[in-house]
Every structure is written in structure tokens, then in C-alpha cells.
Amino acid sequence: MDAFLGDYLGVYDTEYYFLYCLVFDIYFSTQVKGALISRVSFEFNIVKYLLSLQSFWNDYYTLRSLTLYDFIQNEKITLDDLLFD
């Protein structure tokens, strides 16, 4: 891309070409960094959500086993419910 634009503008071997390359590199690196930061933030939030979901269900079943009460069906848990066949 640089060669085509440089040929078109005729700015090779000038200070303007150097400035163009400098500005292009700064702009491109900023865009890439922004995209990477956005992607890392997105993935971090997904992991955070899944860990909080896991924590919720662990706490729910811990509470259920400690109270021996099924909150979904609104009834007490009996010994038959706790034993597996």
C-alpha cells in the first residue's frame, strides 16, 4: 500500500513520505491496539459471566442441600430424593 500511494503522490525520498509513514504507522498501531483491547475485554467478560453462573448454581445447590428444601418445586427434600438408584 505504501509503494502504491508513494508512487501516486511522488513523495519518495522526501520528508513528507517519512511523515506519511509515521502517521500511517501510528494510526494502524492504534487501530490494532484498540481491536485487541476490545477483544480481550470481550473474552474477559464472557469468562467472568460463566464463572458467576457457576458460582450461582454451586451456591444454589449448597443452600438446597443445607435446608433440605426444593425451591423450584416448593417442597421439602426427602431422603429418597437425596439417594441415587
C-alpha atoms as a PDB file:
ATOM      1  CA  MET A   1       0.000   0.000   0.000  1.00  0.00           C
ATOM      2  CA  ASP A   2       2.832   2.401   0.823  1.00  0.00           C
ATOM      3  CA  ALA A   3       4.550   1.831  -2.531  1.00  0.00           C
ATOM      4  CA  PHE A   4       1.370   2.476  -4.492  1.00  0.00           C
ATOM      5  CA  LEU A   5       0.498   5.613  -2.591  1.00  0.00           C
ATOM      6  CA  GLY A   6       4.086   6.814  -2.693  1.00  0.00           C
ATOM      7  CA  ASP A   7       4.267   6.264  -6.436  1.00  0.00           C
ATOM      8  CA  TYR A   8       0.977   8.028  -6.956  1.00  0.00           C
ATOM      9  CA  LEU A   9       1.887  11.051  -4.878  1.00  0.00           C
ATOM     10  CA  GLY A  10       5.524  11.118  -5.974  1.00  0.00           C
ATOM     11  CA  VAL A  11       6.704  11.683  -2.435  1.00  0.00           C
ATOM     12  CA  TYR A  12       9.541   9.187  -2.197  1.00  0.00           C
ATOM     13  CA  ASP A  13      12.818  10.493  -0.773  1.00  0.00           C
ATOM     14  CA  THR A  14      11.144  13.448   0.828  1.00  0.00           C
ATOM     15  CA  GLU A  15      10.311  14.352   4.359  1.00  0.00           C
ATOM     16  CA  TYR A  16       6.610  14.138   3.511  1.00  0.00           C
ATOM     17  CA  TYR A  17       6.895  10.431   2.781  1.00  0.00           C
ATOM     18  CA  PHE A  18       8.598   9.944   6.128  1.00  0.00           C
ATOM     19  CA  LEU A  19       5.800  11.826   7.858  1.00  0.00           C
ATOM     20  CA  TYR A  20       3.208   9.842   5.920  1.00  0.00           C
ATOM     21  CA  CYS A  21       4.787   6.552   7.051  1.00  0.00           C
ATOM     22  CA  LEU A  22       4.993   7.791  10.621  1.00  0.00           C
ATOM     23  CA  VAL A  23       1.339   8.873  10.699  1.00  0.00           C
ATOM     24  CA  PHE A  24       0.235   5.647   8.978  1.00  0.00           C
ATOM     25  CA  ASP A  25       2.148   3.507  11.491  1.00  0.00           C
ATOM     26  CA  ILE A  26       0.729   5.423  14.448  1.00  0.00           C
ATOM     27  CA  TYR A  27      -2.817   5.197  13.094  1.00  0.00           C
ATOM     28  CA  PHE A  28      -2.530   1.498  12.238  1.00  0.00           C
ATOM     29  CA  SER A  29      -0.942   0.560  15.570  1.00  0.00           C
ATOM     30  CA  THR A  30      -3.659   2.498  17.411  1.00  0.00           C
ATOM     31  CA  GLN A  31      -6.393   0.673  15.495  1.00  0.00           C
ATOM     32  CA  VAL A  32      -4.804  -2.722  16.133  1.00  0.00           C
ATOM     33  CA  LYS A  33      -4.310  -1.988  19.824  1.00  0.00           C
ATOM     34  CA  GLY A  34      -7.913  -0.848  20.115  1.00  0.00           C
ATOM     35  CA  ALA A  35      -9.165  -4.016  18.452  1.00  0.00           C
ATOM     36  CA  LEU A  36      -7.000  -6.222  20.664  1.00  0.00           C
ATOM     37  CA  ILE A  37      -8.093  -4.431  23.816  1.00  0.00           C
ATOM     38  CA  SER A  38     -11.709  -4.747  22.766  1.00  0.00           C
ATOM     39  CA  ARG A  39     -11.331  -8.487  22.047  1.00  0.00           C
ATOM     40  CA  VAL A  40      -9.546  -9.179  25.341  1.00  0.00           C
ATOM     41  CA  SER A  41     -12.191  -7.230  27.236  1.00  0.00           C
ATOM     42  CA  PHE A  42     -14.961  -9.173  25.466  1.00  0.00           C
ATOM     43  CA  GLU A  43     -13.384 -12.550  26.274  1.00  0.00           C
ATOM     44  CA  PHE A  44     -12.716 -11.495  29.879  1.00  0.00           C
ATOM     45  CA  ASN A  45     -16.382 -10.564  30.328  1.00  0.00           C
ATOM     46  CA  ILE A  46     -17.513 -13.921  28.918  1.00  0.00           C
ATOM     47  CA  VAL A  47     -15.267 -15.794  31.354  1.00  0.00           C
ATOM     48  CA  LYS A  48     -16.446 -13.574  34.202  1.00  0.00           C
ATOM     49  CA  TYR A  49     -20.085 -14.291  33.310  1.00  0.00           C
ATOM     50  CA  LEU A  50     -19.525 -18.060  33.137  1.00  0.00           C
ATOM     51  CA  LEU A  51     -17.708 -18.080  36.480  1.00  0.00           C
ATOM     52  CA  SER A  52     -20.507 -16.113  38.129  1.00  0.00           C
ATOM     53  CA  LEU A  53     -23.065 -18.522  36.639  1.00  0.00           C
ATOM     54  CA  GLN A  54     -21.106 -21.474  38.005  1.00  0.00           C
ATOM     55  CA  SER A  55     -20.884 -19.802  41.409  1.00  0.00           C
ATOM     56  CA  PHE A  56     -24.638 -19.143  41.431  1.00  0.00           C
ATOM     57  CA  TRP A  57     -25.546 -22.778  40.739  1.00  0.00           C
ATOM     58  CA  ASN A  58     -22.997 -24.088  43.237  1.00  0.00           C
ATOM     59  CA  ASP A  59     -24.413 -21.786  45.899  1.00  0.00           C
ATOM     60  CA  TYR A  60     -27.979 -22.717  44.945  1.00  0.00           C
ATOM     61  CA  TYR A  61     -27.381 -26.454  45.344  1.00  0.00           C
ATOM     62  CA  THR A  62     -25.402 -25.906  48.542  1.00  0.00           C
ATOM     63  CA  LEU A  63     -28.313 -23.936  50.001  1.00  0.00           C
ATOM     64  CA  ARG A  64     -30.752 -26.567  48.753  1.00  0.00           C
ATOM     65  CA  SER A  65     -28.815 -29.389  50.413  1.00  0.00           C
ATOM     66  CA  LEU A  66     -28.333 -27.469  53.665  1.00  0.00           C
ATOM     67  CA  THR A  67     -32.001 -26.526  54.012  1.00  0.00           C
ATOM     68  CA  LEU A  68     -33.373 -29.765  52.527  1.00  0.00           C
ATOM     69  CA  TYR A  69     -35.863 -27.709  50.598  1.00  0.00           C
ATOM     70  CA  ASP A  70     -36.507 -27.707  46.853  1.00  0.00           C
ATOM     71  CA  PHE A  71     -37.122 -24.070  45.933  1.00  0.00           C
ATOM     72  CA  ILE A  72     -38.270 -24.857  42.388  1.00  0.00           C
ATOM     73  CA  GLN A  73     -40.988 -27.339  43.361  1.00  0.00           C
ATOM     74  CA  ASN A  74     -41.641 -25.661  46.742  1.00  0.00           C
ATOM     75  CA  GLU A  75     -41.456 -28.847  48.787  1.00  0.00           C
ATOM     76  CA  LYS A  76     -39.194 -30.461  51.313  1.00  0.00           C
ATOM     77  CA  ILE A  77     -36.475 -32.793  50.128  1.00  0.00           C
ATOM     78  CA  THR A  78     -36.791 -36.312  51.480  1.00  0.00           C
ATOM     79  CA  LEU A  79     -34.162 -38.953  51.896  1.00  0.00           C
ATOM     80  CA  ASP A  80     -35.427 -40.676  48.750  1.00  0.00           C
ATOM     81  CA  ASP A  81     -34.636 -37.544  46.744  1.00  0.00           C
ATOM     82  CA  LEU A  82     -31.059 -37.491  48.002  1.00  0.00           C
ATOM     83  CA  LEU A  83     -30.259 -41.151  47.307  1.00  0.00           C
ATOM     84  CA  PHE A  84     -29.455 -42.249  43.806  1.00  0.00           C
ATOM     85  CA  ASP A  85     -30.664 -45.524  42.362  1.00  0.00           C
END
